[in-house]
Amino acid sequence: MYRNPPATDHRTIRISSLRMTPVYLPYVPILLNKTFITALWDTRAEKSFISEEVYRRYFSYRPRQKIKDEVVMAQGALCCHLGRVELQIQIREYQKTW
């Protein structure tokens, strides 16, 4: 069953930091295992992440692999994770298994 897509093609949010100038990030609607959600589209990312809330709300029926890999973000900060789950992602006409 498909959920209704978001009303807009994209939305932006403003992020600011003490050492950064404000930037606008490209959020786009995506189809993730037949569920529409809004996501930050990072075309250079090696892996894609979903929040714990999104996993528990929509995909908790999917088994996740507990892994001991350390996740390091682009800025060098460590990121905690619950494990790995494989989902189908579709952004407009582009489709890939992550």
C-alpha atoms as a PDB file:
ATOM      1  CA  MET A   1       0.000   0.000   0.000  1.00  0.00           C
ATOM      2  CA  TYR A   2       1.411   3.398  -1.003  1.00  0.00           C
ATOM      3  CA  ARG A   3       1.189   6.306   1.369  1.00  0.00           C
ATOM      4  CA  ASN A   4       0.396   9.774   0.044  1.00  0.00           C
ATOM      5  CA  PRO A   5       3.509  11.609  -1.163  1.00  0.00           C
ATOM      6  CA  PRO A   6       4.468  14.919   0.422  1.00  0.00           C
ATOM      7  CA  ALA A   7       2.747  17.967  -1.062  1.00  0.00           C
ATOM      8  CA  THR A   8       5.943  19.552  -2.428  1.00  0.00           C
ATOM      9  CA  ASP A   9       8.788  18.285  -4.568  1.00  0.00           C
ATOM     10  CA  HIS A  10      11.310  19.436  -1.992  1.00  0.00           C
ATOM     11  CA  ARG A  11      11.714  21.559   1.081  1.00  0.00           C
ATOM     12  CA  THR A  12      14.686  23.245   2.670  1.00  0.00           C
ATOM     13  CA  ILE A  13      15.699  23.736   6.251  1.00  0.00           C
ATOM     14  CA  ARG A  14      18.244  26.175   7.619  1.00  0.00           C
ATOM     15  CA  ILE A  15      21.189  24.808   9.552  1.00  0.00           C
ATOM     16  CA  SER A  16      23.618  27.090  11.350  1.00  0.00           C
ATOM     17  CA  SER A  17      26.604  26.549  13.576  1.00  0.00           C
ATOM     18  CA  LEU A  18      29.102  28.737  15.393  1.00  0.00           C
ATOM     19  CA  ARG A  19      31.795  28.047  12.804  1.00  0.00           C
ATOM     20  CA  MET A  20      29.633  27.612   9.729  1.00  0.00           C
ATOM     21  CA  THR A  21      27.584  29.966   7.650  1.00  0.00           C
ATOM     22  CA  PRO A  22      23.892  29.039   7.341  1.00  0.00           C
ATOM     23  CA  VAL A  23      23.177  26.574   4.548  1.00  0.00           C
ATOM     24  CA  TYR A  24      20.023  25.253   2.949  1.00  0.00           C
ATOM     25  CA  LEU A  25      19.805  21.486   2.604  1.00  0.00           C
ATOM     26  CA  PRO A  26      17.925  19.699  -0.190  1.00  0.00           C
ATOM     27  CA  TYR A  27      15.165  17.540   1.270  1.00  0.00           C
ATOM     28  CA  VAL A  28      13.293  15.431  -1.289  1.00  0.00           C
ATOM     29  CA  PRO A  29      10.403  12.954  -1.126  1.00  0.00           C
ATOM     30  CA  ILE A  30      11.573   9.373  -1.631  1.00  0.00           C
ATOM     31  CA  LEU A  31       9.845   6.021  -1.836  1.00  0.00           C
ATOM     32  CA  LEU A  32      11.399   3.645   0.691  1.00  0.00           C
ATOM     33  CA  ASN A  33       9.961   0.128   0.522  1.00  0.00           C
ATOM     34  CA  LYS A  34       6.633   1.519  -0.762  1.00  0.00           C
ATOM     35  CA  THR A  35       6.499   4.199   1.975  1.00  0.00           C
ATOM     36  CA  PHE A  36       6.867   7.892   1.114  1.00  0.00           C
ATOM     37  CA  ILE A  37       9.186   9.804   3.453  1.00  0.00           C
ATOM     38  CA  THR A  38      11.173  13.037   3.167  1.00  0.00           C
ATOM     39  CA  ALA A  39      14.939  12.642   3.154  1.00  0.00           C
ATOM     40  CA  LEU A  40      18.114  14.651   2.882  1.00  0.00           C
ATOM     41  CA  TRP A  41      19.562  13.706  -0.498  1.00  0.00           C
ATOM     42  CA  ASP A  42      23.343  13.305  -0.222  1.00  0.00           C
ATOM     43  CA  THR A  43      24.547  12.107  -3.609  1.00  0.00           C
ATOM     44  CA  ARG A  44      28.124  11.560  -2.408  1.00  0.00           C
ATOM     45  CA  ALA A  45      27.301   9.470   0.656  1.00  0.00           C
ATOM     46  CA  GLU A  46      28.760   5.979   0.801  1.00  0.00           C
ATOM     47  CA  LYS A  47      25.845   4.705   2.928  1.00  0.00           C
ATOM     48  CA  SER A  48      22.364   5.987   3.668  1.00  0.00           C
ATOM     49  CA  PHE A  49      20.864   6.281   7.143  1.00  0.00           C
ATOM     50  CA  ILE A  50      17.344   6.347   8.536  1.00  0.00           C
ATOM     51  CA  SER A  51      16.429   7.521  12.008  1.00  0.00           C
ATOM     52  CA  GLU A  52      15.503   5.099  14.760  1.00  0.00           C
ATOM     53  CA  GLU A  53      11.996   6.617  14.715  1.00  0.00           C
ATOM     54  CA  VAL A  54      11.540   5.901  10.981  1.00  0.00           C
ATOM     55  CA  TYR A  55      12.862   2.349  11.432  1.00  0.00           C
ATOM     56  CA  ARG A  56      10.543   1.592  14.359  1.00  0.00           C
ATOM     57  CA  ARG A  57       7.502   3.235  12.735  1.00  0.00           C
ATOM     58  CA  TYR A  58       7.732   1.738   9.231  1.00  0.00           C
ATOM     59  CA  PHE A  59      10.350  -0.999   9.029  1.00  0.00           C
ATOM     60  CA  SER A  60      10.605  -2.771  12.396  1.00  0.00           C
ATOM     61  CA  TYR A  61       9.251  -5.909  10.687  1.00  0.00           C
ATOM     62  CA  ARG A  62      12.495  -6.007   8.665  1.00  0.00           C
ATOM     63  CA  PRO A  63      15.288  -7.840  10.482  1.00  0.00           C
ATOM     64  CA  ARG A  64      18.394  -5.796  11.091  1.00  0.00           C
ATOM     65  CA  GLN A  65      21.937  -7.082  11.246  1.00  0.00           C
ATOM     66  CA  LYS A  66      23.799  -6.064  14.357  1.00  0.00           C
ATOM     67  CA  ILE A  67      27.212  -4.917  13.221  1.00  0.00           C
ATOM     68  CA  LYS A  68      30.231  -3.678  15.124  1.00  0.00           C
ATOM     69  CA  ASP A  69      31.406  -1.325  12.387  1.00  0.00           C
ATOM     70  CA  GLU A  70      32.290   2.164  13.522  1.00  0.00           C
ATOM     71  CA  VAL A  71      30.445   4.885  11.605  1.00  0.00           C
ATOM     72  CA  VAL A  72      32.424   8.096  11.108  1.00  0.00           C
ATOM     73  CA  MET A  73      30.590  11.098   9.685  1.00  0.00           C
ATOM     74  CA  ALA A  74      32.142  13.486   7.129  1.00  0.00           C
ATOM     75  CA  GLN A  75      33.116  15.919   9.913  1.00  0.00           C
ATOM     76  CA  GLY A  76      34.941  13.118  11.749  1.00  0.00           C
ATOM     77  CA  ALA A  77      32.342  12.593  14.498  1.00  0.00           C
ATOM     78  CA  LEU A  78      31.389   9.059  15.515  1.00  0.00           C
ATOM     79  CA  CYS A  79      27.757   8.066  14.962  1.00  0.00           C
ATOM     80  CA  CYS A  80      25.863   5.464  17.004  1.00  0.00           C
ATOM     81  CA  HIS A  81      23.710   3.024  15.039  1.00  0.00           C
ATOM     82  CA  LEU A  82      21.318   0.137  15.632  1.00  0.00           C
ATOM     83  CA  GLY A  83      22.686  -2.009  12.830  1.00  0.00           C
ATOM     84  CA  ARG A  84      22.057  -2.585   9.148  1.00  0.00           C
ATOM     85  CA  VAL A  85      18.813  -3.176   7.261  1.00  0.00           C
ATOM     86  CA  GLU A  86      18.377  -3.525   3.496  1.00  0.00           C
ATOM     87  CA  LEU A  87      15.612  -1.428   1.912  1.00  0.00           C
ATOM     88  CA  GLN A  88      14.620  -0.435  -1.627  1.00  0.00           C
ATOM     89  CA  ILE A  89      14.935   3.290  -2.271  1.00  0.00           C
ATOM     90  CA  GLN A  90      13.436   5.183  -5.188  1.00  0.00           C
ATOM     91  CA  ILE A  91      14.140   8.862  -5.875  1.00  0.00           C
ATOM     92  CA  ARG A  92      12.131  10.022  -8.868  1.00  0.00           C
ATOM     93  CA  GLU A  93      13.159   7.583 -11.629  1.00  0.00           C
ATOM     94  CA  TYR A  94      16.289   6.321  -9.841  1.00  0.00           C
ATOM     95  CA  GLN A  95      16.036   3.048  -7.900  1.00  0.00           C
ATOM     96  CA  LYS A  96      18.654   1.154  -5.899  1.00  0.00           C
ATOM     97  CA  THR A  97      18.923  -1.361  -3.058  1.00  0.00           C
ATOM     98  CA  TRP A  98      20.700   0.128  -0.024  1.00  0.00           C
END
